[in-house]
Every structure is written in C-alpha cells, then in structure tokens.
Amino acid sequence: MAVNPTAESIEEIVRVAGSPEDGPIVMINLNRFRSRADYGPNPPDGVDVDVSGEEAYARYGAVGAAAVAATGGRLLWSAPVASMVIGDSDDAYDQVLAVWYPNRAAFLKLGDHPGYLEATVHRNAALEKASILCCPAGDTGPFGATA
C-alpha cells in the first residue's frame, strides 16, 4: 500500500505551483498506522525502533510541524478516526489531519526545511497506508457552506 506520493502526483503539483491557478490549499492527510513501526534493515542510528507506528509518526510530526510553519502553512485540524461510516477495510484510517498552505509552491518547500527529509524515515516506518488529498481552500461547497 502506498505511503509516499508518486512522481506523477508531484509533477501535477509542480505544474500548478506558481501559476495563476495556484492559491491556498488544504492537504487532507489520511493515515493508517502500523501496529509496530518498521524501520527495515537500516534504522537510523540511536533510535529506539521498538515503538508503535503512532509513536514513530510523532517523531516525524515534530519536524513536519516546524517545516509546515516555515512554509507559511498551519495545521487546521487533527483527530483520530472514531469509526468508519462508509467504506470497507481497505478504506480504514487511524488519523485525519487538515493542513493549510498558502499555495502549492509552499507545500513543495517542505523538503527544504532542515531535517525534514531525514525525518521521513519515521513517517515511512510508521505508516501502513496513507492518502493525501489536495483541496482548494476557502471554496463554497455543494451545500453552500464555506470551507
């Protein structure tokens, strides 16, 4: 199951970044944690690898939050999933996060933050499955509510 973006999905973000159609976005992150983190055969030096997926993700999140803030972004909302109302077991996630960015170009700058790329080892160890949905921020939804 996928936990990282494809080259094609990043190419689409790059294509729009900086263009007239670029603007504020919200990235909806859906995370399914491993019961135990899987750091593989080459774990980072000095890291306790016998942790839950959620604990490993918190290691990534500490650096990720600083990187988001450095881009001008902010965490809007985060919560554990209480239950799935529609879907099957393939659709099950443990956590939902909504992260606002001023534009796609800001999202692409996450990797420029010191330590961010190194911290992704914890994200990869933590997640069994992830989905990230890029949504325009502030649009009026189909029911007339402002997002």
N, C-alpha and C. Protein backbone atom coordinates (compact mmCIF):
# COMPACT_ATOMS: atom_id res chain seq x y z
N MET A 1 0.83 -1.18 0.00
CA MET A 1 0.00 0.00 0.00
C MET A 1 0.88 1.25 0.00
N ALA A 2 0.41 2.27 -0.63
CA ALA A 2 1.20 3.49 -0.81
C ALA A 2 1.26 4.33 0.46
N VAL A 3 2.44 4.91 0.72
CA VAL A 3 2.59 5.88 1.79
C VAL A 3 3.29 7.16 1.31
N ASN A 4 3.80 7.14 0.09
CA ASN A 4 4.50 8.30 -0.47
C ASN A 4 3.89 8.70 -1.80
N PRO A 5 4.03 9.98 -2.16
CA PRO A 5 3.46 10.43 -3.43
C PRO A 5 4.18 9.80 -4.62
N THR A 6 3.45 9.67 -5.71
CA THR A 6 4.07 9.20 -6.95
C THR A 6 4.74 10.37 -7.65
N ALA A 7 5.62 10.06 -8.58
CA ALA A 7 6.25 11.10 -9.38
C ALA A 7 5.19 11.91 -10.13
N GLU A 8 4.16 11.22 -10.61
CA GLU A 8 3.10 11.90 -11.36
C GLU A 8 2.33 12.88 -10.49
N SER A 9 2.05 12.50 -9.24
CA SER A 9 1.29 13.41 -8.37
C SER A 9 2.12 14.64 -8.01
N ILE A 10 3.42 14.46 -7.81
CA ILE A 10 4.29 15.61 -7.54
C ILE A 10 4.41 16.48 -8.79
N GLU A 11 4.51 15.86 -9.96
CA GLU A 11 4.58 16.63 -11.21
C GLU A 11 3.35 17.52 -11.38
N GLU A 12 2.18 17.04 -10.99
CA GLU A 12 0.96 17.84 -11.09
C GLU A 12 1.02 19.04 -10.14
N ILE A 13 1.52 18.84 -8.94
CA ILE A 13 1.67 19.96 -8.01
C ILE A 13 2.68 20.96 -8.55
N VAL A 14 3.79 20.47 -9.09
CA VAL A 14 4.81 21.35 -9.68
C VAL A 14 4.23 22.12 -10.85
N ARG A 15 3.42 21.47 -11.67
CA ARG A 15 2.83 22.12 -12.84
C ARG A 15 1.98 23.31 -12.44
N VAL A 16 1.21 23.18 -11.38
CA VAL A 16 0.30 24.24 -10.96
C VAL A 16 1.01 25.27 -10.08
N ALA A 17 2.04 24.87 -9.34
CA ALA A 17 2.73 25.77 -8.41
C ALA A 17 3.23 27.01 -9.14
N GLY A 18 2.89 28.15 -8.61
CA GLY A 18 3.35 29.41 -9.18
C GLY A 18 2.55 29.90 -10.37
N SER A 19 1.60 29.11 -10.84
CA SER A 19 0.78 29.52 -11.99
C SER A 19 -0.39 30.37 -11.49
N PRO A 20 -1.09 31.04 -12.40
CA PRO A 20 -2.25 31.84 -11.98
C PRO A 20 -3.34 31.04 -11.28
N GLU A 21 -3.42 29.74 -11.55
CA GLU A 21 -4.44 28.91 -10.90
C GLU A 21 -4.03 28.43 -9.51
N ASP A 22 -2.78 28.70 -9.11
CA ASP A 22 -2.33 28.29 -7.78
C ASP A 22 -2.91 29.24 -6.74
N GLY A 23 -3.18 28.72 -5.59
CA GLY A 23 -3.71 29.53 -4.49
C GLY A 23 -3.73 28.70 -3.23
N PRO A 24 -4.36 29.19 -2.18
CA PRO A 24 -4.38 28.45 -0.92
C PRO A 24 -4.99 27.06 -1.09
N ILE A 25 -4.36 26.10 -0.42
CA ILE A 25 -4.82 24.71 -0.48
C ILE A 25 -4.90 24.14 0.93
N VAL A 26 -5.69 23.09 1.05
CA VAL A 26 -5.72 22.28 2.27
C VAL A 26 -5.37 20.86 1.85
N MET A 27 -4.37 20.31 2.50
CA MET A 27 -3.99 18.92 2.27
C MET A 27 -4.65 18.08 3.36
N ILE A 28 -5.54 17.20 2.94
CA ILE A 28 -6.20 16.28 3.87
C ILE A 28 -5.35 15.02 3.92
N ASN A 29 -4.79 14.74 5.08
CA ASN A 29 -3.93 13.58 5.29
C ASN A 29 -4.71 12.48 5.99
N LEU A 30 -4.75 11.30 5.40
CA LEU A 30 -5.38 10.13 6.00
C LEU A 30 -4.27 9.12 6.29
N ASN A 31 -4.14 8.76 7.54
CA ASN A 31 -3.04 7.87 7.96
C ASN A 31 -3.55 6.60 8.60
N ARG A 32 -3.00 5.47 8.15
CA ARG A 32 -3.21 4.19 8.83
C ARG A 32 -1.86 3.77 9.38
N PHE A 33 -1.78 3.63 10.71
CA PHE A 33 -0.52 3.30 11.35
C PHE A 33 -0.28 1.80 11.40
N ARG A 34 0.98 1.42 11.33
CA ARG A 34 1.38 0.04 11.61
C ARG A 34 1.22 -0.17 13.12
N SER A 35 0.94 -1.38 13.53
CA SER A 35 0.88 -1.62 14.97
C SER A 35 2.26 -1.41 15.59
N ARG A 36 3.31 -1.86 14.91
CA ARG A 36 4.70 -1.62 15.32
C ARG A 36 5.43 -0.96 14.16
N ALA A 37 6.22 0.03 14.44
CA ALA A 37 6.99 0.72 13.39
C ALA A 37 7.91 -0.28 12.71
N ASP A 38 8.11 -0.07 11.41
CA ASP A 38 9.00 -0.93 10.63
C ASP A 38 10.09 -0.07 10.00
N TYR A 39 11.26 -0.04 10.67
CA TYR A 39 12.38 0.76 10.19
C TYR A 39 13.25 0.00 9.19
N GLY A 40 12.91 -1.25 8.93
CA GLY A 40 13.67 -2.02 7.95
C GLY A 40 15.05 -2.40 8.46
N PRO A 41 15.92 -2.83 7.52
CA PRO A 41 17.23 -3.34 7.93
C PRO A 41 18.24 -2.26 8.31
N ASN A 42 17.98 -1.00 7.98
CA ASN A 42 18.94 0.08 8.26
C ASN A 42 18.29 1.22 9.03
N PRO A 43 17.93 0.97 10.30
CA PRO A 43 17.28 2.04 11.08
C PRO A 43 18.26 3.18 11.36
N PRO A 44 17.74 4.38 11.62
CA PRO A 44 18.63 5.50 11.96
C PRO A 44 19.41 5.19 13.23
N ASP A 45 20.63 5.67 13.31
CA ASP A 45 21.47 5.45 14.48
C ASP A 45 20.83 6.08 15.71
N GLY A 46 20.90 5.38 16.82
CA GLY A 46 20.47 5.91 18.10
C GLY A 46 18.98 6.04 18.29
N VAL A 47 18.19 5.39 17.45
CA VAL A 47 16.74 5.49 17.54
C VAL A 47 16.17 4.18 18.05
N ASP A 48 15.31 4.26 19.07
CA ASP A 48 14.61 3.08 19.55
C ASP A 48 13.61 2.68 18.47
N VAL A 49 13.80 1.53 17.86
CA VAL A 49 12.92 1.08 16.78
C VAL A 49 11.74 0.25 17.29
N ASP A 50 11.77 -0.10 18.56
CA ASP A 50 10.68 -0.90 19.13
C ASP A 50 9.59 0.03 19.66
N VAL A 51 8.90 0.69 18.72
CA VAL A 51 7.84 1.64 19.06
C VAL A 51 6.63 1.37 18.17
N SER A 52 5.51 1.90 18.55
CA SER A 52 4.31 1.77 17.72
C SER A 52 4.46 2.67 16.48
N GLY A 53 3.64 2.39 15.49
CA GLY A 53 3.61 3.25 14.32
C GLY A 53 3.23 4.67 14.68
N GLU A 54 2.29 4.81 15.61
CA GLU A 54 1.87 6.14 16.03
C GLU A 54 3.01 6.91 16.70
N GLU A 55 3.83 6.21 17.49
CA GLU A 55 4.98 6.86 18.12
C GLU A 55 6.01 7.28 17.07
N ALA A 56 6.24 6.43 16.08
CA ALA A 56 7.19 6.78 15.02
C ALA A 56 6.68 7.98 14.23
N TYR A 57 5.37 8.04 13.99
CA TYR A 57 4.80 9.17 13.26
C TYR A 57 4.94 10.47 14.05
N ALA A 58 4.85 10.38 15.36
CA ALA A 58 5.03 11.57 16.20
C ALA A 58 6.45 12.11 16.05
N ARG A 59 7.44 11.25 15.85
CA ARG A 59 8.82 11.70 15.61
C ARG A 59 8.88 12.52 14.31
N TYR A 60 8.24 12.01 13.28
CA TYR A 60 8.16 12.74 12.02
C TYR A 60 7.37 14.03 12.21
N GLY A 61 6.26 13.95 12.93
CA GLY A 61 5.38 15.09 13.11
C GLY A 61 6.05 16.27 13.79
N ALA A 62 6.97 16.02 14.69
CA ALA A 62 7.67 17.11 15.37
C ALA A 62 8.45 17.95 14.37
N VAL A 63 9.11 17.31 13.45
CA VAL A 63 9.87 18.02 12.41
C VAL A 63 8.92 18.55 11.35
N GLY A 64 7.92 17.74 10.99
CA GLY A 64 6.95 18.15 9.97
C GLY A 64 6.21 19.41 10.36
N ALA A 65 5.82 19.55 11.61
CA ALA A 65 5.09 20.74 12.06
C ALA A 65 5.95 21.99 11.90
N ALA A 66 7.22 21.89 12.23
CA ALA A 66 8.13 23.03 12.07
C ALA A 66 8.31 23.36 10.59
N ALA A 67 8.39 22.34 9.76
CA ALA A 67 8.54 22.56 8.31
C ALA A 67 7.30 23.23 7.74
N VAL A 68 6.12 22.78 8.14
CA VAL A 68 4.86 23.39 7.68
C VAL A 68 4.84 24.86 8.06
N ALA A 69 5.16 25.16 9.31
CA ALA A 69 5.16 26.55 9.79
C ALA A 69 6.16 27.40 9.00
N ALA A 70 7.32 26.83 8.67
CA ALA A 70 8.34 27.57 7.92
C ALA A 70 7.87 27.92 6.51
N THR A 71 6.93 27.15 5.96
CA THR A 71 6.41 27.44 4.62
C THR A 71 5.28 28.46 4.66
N GLY A 72 4.84 28.84 5.85
CA GLY A 72 3.68 29.71 5.99
C GLY A 72 2.39 28.94 6.16
N GLY A 73 2.50 27.62 6.27
CA GLY A 73 1.32 26.78 6.45
C GLY A 73 0.97 26.61 7.91
N ARG A 74 -0.14 25.91 8.16
CA ARG A 74 -0.54 25.65 9.54
C ARG A 74 -1.47 24.44 9.59
N LEU A 75 -1.38 23.74 10.70
CA LEU A 75 -2.30 22.63 10.95
C LEU A 75 -3.65 23.21 11.32
N LEU A 76 -4.67 22.86 10.56
CA LEU A 76 -6.02 23.33 10.85
C LEU A 76 -6.72 22.43 11.85
N TRP A 77 -6.48 21.13 11.71
CA TRP A 77 -7.26 20.18 12.49
C TRP A 77 -6.60 18.82 12.43
N SER A 78 -6.66 18.08 13.51
CA SER A 78 -6.16 16.71 13.56
C SER A 78 -7.00 15.94 14.56
N ALA A 79 -7.32 14.70 14.22
CA ALA A 79 -8.10 13.87 15.14
C ALA A 79 -7.93 12.41 14.79
N PRO A 80 -8.05 11.54 15.80
CA PRO A 80 -8.11 10.11 15.49
C PRO A 80 -9.46 9.80 14.85
N VAL A 81 -9.50 8.74 14.06
CA VAL A 81 -10.76 8.31 13.46
C VAL A 81 -11.51 7.50 14.51
N ALA A 82 -12.74 7.92 14.80
CA ALA A 82 -13.56 7.23 15.80
C ALA A 82 -14.18 5.96 15.21
N SER A 83 -14.71 6.07 13.99
CA SER A 83 -15.28 4.92 13.31
C SER A 83 -15.46 5.26 11.83
N MET A 84 -15.57 4.22 11.03
CA MET A 84 -15.81 4.40 9.60
C MET A 84 -17.30 4.23 9.35
N VAL A 85 -17.90 5.22 8.71
CA VAL A 85 -19.34 5.18 8.45
C VAL A 85 -19.62 4.57 7.08
N ILE A 86 -18.82 4.92 6.08
CA ILE A 86 -18.96 4.36 4.73
C ILE A 86 -17.59 3.89 4.28
N GLY A 87 -17.51 2.70 3.73
CA GLY A 87 -16.25 2.16 3.23
C GLY A 87 -16.05 0.74 3.69
N ASP A 88 -14.96 0.17 3.23
CA ASP A 88 -14.62 -1.18 3.67
C ASP A 88 -13.25 -1.15 4.34
N SER A 89 -12.73 -2.28 4.70
CA SER A 89 -11.48 -2.32 5.47
C SER A 89 -10.31 -1.68 4.72
N ASP A 90 -10.34 -1.68 3.40
CA ASP A 90 -9.27 -1.00 2.64
C ASP A 90 -9.29 0.51 2.85
N ASP A 91 -10.45 1.04 3.23
CA ASP A 91 -10.61 2.48 3.42
C ASP A 91 -10.36 2.92 4.86
N ALA A 92 -10.03 2.00 5.75
CA ALA A 92 -9.89 2.33 7.16
C ALA A 92 -8.61 3.13 7.42
N TYR A 93 -8.74 4.18 8.20
CA TYR A 93 -7.60 5.01 8.62
C TYR A 93 -7.70 5.24 10.11
N ASP A 94 -6.56 5.62 10.71
CA ASP A 94 -6.48 5.86 12.14
C ASP A 94 -6.50 7.34 12.50
N GLN A 95 -6.09 8.20 11.56
CA GLN A 95 -5.92 9.61 11.86
C GLN A 95 -6.22 10.45 10.62
N VAL A 96 -6.80 11.63 10.85
CA VAL A 96 -7.05 12.60 9.79
C VAL A 96 -6.42 13.92 10.21
N LEU A 97 -5.69 14.54 9.28
CA LEU A 97 -5.12 15.87 9.52
C LEU A 97 -5.50 16.76 8.35
N ALA A 98 -5.81 18.01 8.63
CA ALA A 98 -6.05 19.01 7.59
C ALA A 98 -4.97 20.08 7.75
N VAL A 99 -4.15 20.26 6.71
CA VAL A 99 -3.04 21.21 6.77
C VAL A 99 -3.22 22.25 5.67
N TRP A 100 -3.26 23.52 6.06
CA TRP A 100 -3.43 24.64 5.13
C TRP A 100 -2.06 25.15 4.68
N TYR A 101 -1.94 25.41 3.39
CA TYR A 101 -0.73 26.02 2.81
C TYR A 101 -1.16 27.22 1.99
N PRO A 102 -0.33 28.26 1.91
CA PRO A 102 -0.70 29.43 1.12
C PRO A 102 -0.81 29.11 -0.37
N ASN A 103 -0.11 28.06 -0.81
CA ASN A 103 -0.17 27.63 -2.21
C ASN A 103 0.64 26.34 -2.35
N ARG A 104 0.60 25.78 -3.55
CA ARG A 104 1.32 24.53 -3.81
C ARG A 104 2.83 24.72 -3.72
N ALA A 105 3.31 25.89 -4.12
CA ALA A 105 4.75 26.16 -4.04
C ALA A 105 5.24 26.03 -2.59
N ALA A 106 4.43 26.49 -1.64
CA ALA A 106 4.80 26.37 -0.23
C ALA A 106 4.87 24.89 0.18
N PHE A 107 3.90 24.11 -0.26
CA PHE A 107 3.91 22.67 0.05
C PHE A 107 5.19 22.02 -0.47
N LEU A 108 5.61 22.41 -1.67
CA LEU A 108 6.82 21.84 -2.26
C LEU A 108 8.08 22.21 -1.50
N LYS A 109 8.04 23.26 -0.68
CA LYS A 109 9.21 23.70 0.07
C LYS A 109 9.41 22.94 1.37
N LEU A 110 8.52 22.01 1.71
CA LEU A 110 8.70 21.23 2.94
C LEU A 110 10.08 20.59 2.98
N GLY A 111 10.51 20.04 1.87
CA GLY A 111 11.79 19.34 1.81
C GLY A 111 12.99 20.23 2.02
N ASP A 112 12.81 21.55 1.94
CA ASP A 112 13.92 22.48 2.17
C ASP A 112 14.19 22.73 3.65
N HIS A 113 13.24 22.36 4.51
CA HIS A 113 13.39 22.60 5.94
C HIS A 113 14.45 21.66 6.51
N PRO A 114 15.37 22.20 7.33
CA PRO A 114 16.43 21.36 7.91
C PRO A 114 15.86 20.15 8.66
N GLY A 115 16.33 18.98 8.28
CA GLY A 115 15.94 17.74 8.94
C GLY A 115 14.67 17.10 8.44
N TYR A 116 13.92 17.79 7.57
CA TYR A 116 12.64 17.25 7.12
C TYR A 116 12.82 15.94 6.35
N LEU A 117 13.68 15.96 5.35
CA LEU A 117 13.84 14.75 4.53
C LEU A 117 14.35 13.58 5.38
N GLU A 118 15.22 13.86 6.34
CA GLU A 118 15.72 12.81 7.22
C GLU A 118 14.60 12.27 8.12
N ALA A 119 13.66 13.13 8.50
CA ALA A 119 12.57 12.71 9.38
C ALA A 119 11.56 11.82 8.67
N THR A 120 11.54 11.84 7.34
CA THR A 120 10.58 11.00 6.63
C THR A 120 10.82 9.51 6.86
N VAL A 121 12.00 9.13 7.33
CA VAL A 121 12.24 7.73 7.68
C VAL A 121 11.27 7.29 8.77
N HIS A 122 10.91 8.20 9.68
CA HIS A 122 9.95 7.87 10.74
C HIS A 122 8.54 7.75 10.17
N ARG A 123 8.20 8.62 9.23
CA ARG A 123 6.89 8.55 8.58
C ARG A 123 6.74 7.22 7.85
N ASN A 124 7.78 6.85 7.10
CA ASN A 124 7.74 5.60 6.35
C ASN A 124 7.66 4.38 7.27
N ALA A 125 8.36 4.44 8.40
CA ALA A 125 8.32 3.34 9.36
C ALA A 125 6.95 3.25 10.03
N ALA A 126 6.29 4.38 10.17
CA ALA A 126 5.04 4.48 10.92
C ALA A 126 3.82 4.01 10.16
N LEU A 127 3.78 4.31 8.86
CA LEU A 127 2.54 4.18 8.11
C LEU A 127 2.42 2.89 7.33
N GLU A 128 1.27 2.27 7.46
CA GLU A 128 0.91 1.12 6.63
C GLU A 128 0.29 1.62 5.33
N LYS A 129 -0.48 2.70 5.43
CA LYS A 129 -1.16 3.27 4.27
C LYS A 129 -1.39 4.74 4.54
N ALA A 130 -1.32 5.55 3.48
CA ALA A 130 -1.60 6.98 3.61
C ALA A 130 -2.23 7.48 2.33
N SER A 131 -3.08 8.47 2.48
CA SER A 131 -3.64 9.20 1.35
C SER A 131 -3.55 10.67 1.69
N ILE A 132 -3.18 11.48 0.71
CA ILE A 132 -3.19 12.93 0.89
C ILE A 132 -3.99 13.51 -0.26
N LEU A 133 -5.01 14.26 0.08
CA LEU A 133 -5.91 14.86 -0.90
C LEU A 133 -5.66 16.36 -0.93
N CYS A 134 -5.36 16.90 -2.10
CA CYS A 134 -5.12 18.33 -2.27
C CYS A 134 -6.44 19.00 -2.64
N CYS A 135 -6.87 19.93 -1.80
CA CYS A 135 -8.16 20.61 -2.00
C CYS A 135 -7.94 22.12 -2.03
N PRO A 136 -8.67 22.83 -2.89
CA PRO A 136 -8.59 24.29 -2.82
C PRO A 136 -9.17 24.75 -1.48
N ALA A 137 -8.57 25.75 -0.89
CA ALA A 137 -9.05 26.25 0.41
C ALA A 137 -10.04 27.39 0.19
N GLY A 138 -11.07 27.42 1.01
CA GLY A 138 -11.98 28.54 1.02
C GLY A 138 -13.07 28.53 -0.02
N ASP A 139 -13.20 27.49 -0.81
CA ASP A 139 -14.27 27.43 -1.79
C ASP A 139 -15.60 27.13 -1.11
N THR A 140 -16.67 27.52 -1.77
CA THR A 140 -18.01 27.17 -1.27
C THR A 140 -18.33 25.77 -1.73
N GLY A 141 -18.75 24.94 -0.79
CA GLY A 141 -19.05 23.55 -1.09
C GLY A 141 -20.42 23.40 -1.72
N PRO A 142 -20.78 22.17 -2.07
CA PRO A 142 -22.04 21.91 -2.76
C PRO A 142 -23.28 22.23 -1.94
N PHE A 143 -23.13 22.35 -0.64
CA PHE A 143 -24.28 22.63 0.22
C PHE A 143 -24.31 24.08 0.67
N GLY A 144 -23.46 24.91 0.04
CA GLY A 144 -23.45 26.33 0.36
C GLY A 144 -22.59 26.72 1.54
N ALA A 145 -21.94 25.75 2.18
CA ALA A 145 -21.08 26.07 3.31
C ALA A 145 -19.71 26.50 2.81
N THR A 146 -19.12 27.45 3.49
CA THR A 146 -17.79 27.89 3.11
C THR A 146 -16.78 27.00 3.82
N ALA A 147 -15.85 26.49 3.04
CA ALA A 147 -14.83 25.60 3.60
C ALA A 147 -13.81 26.39 4.37
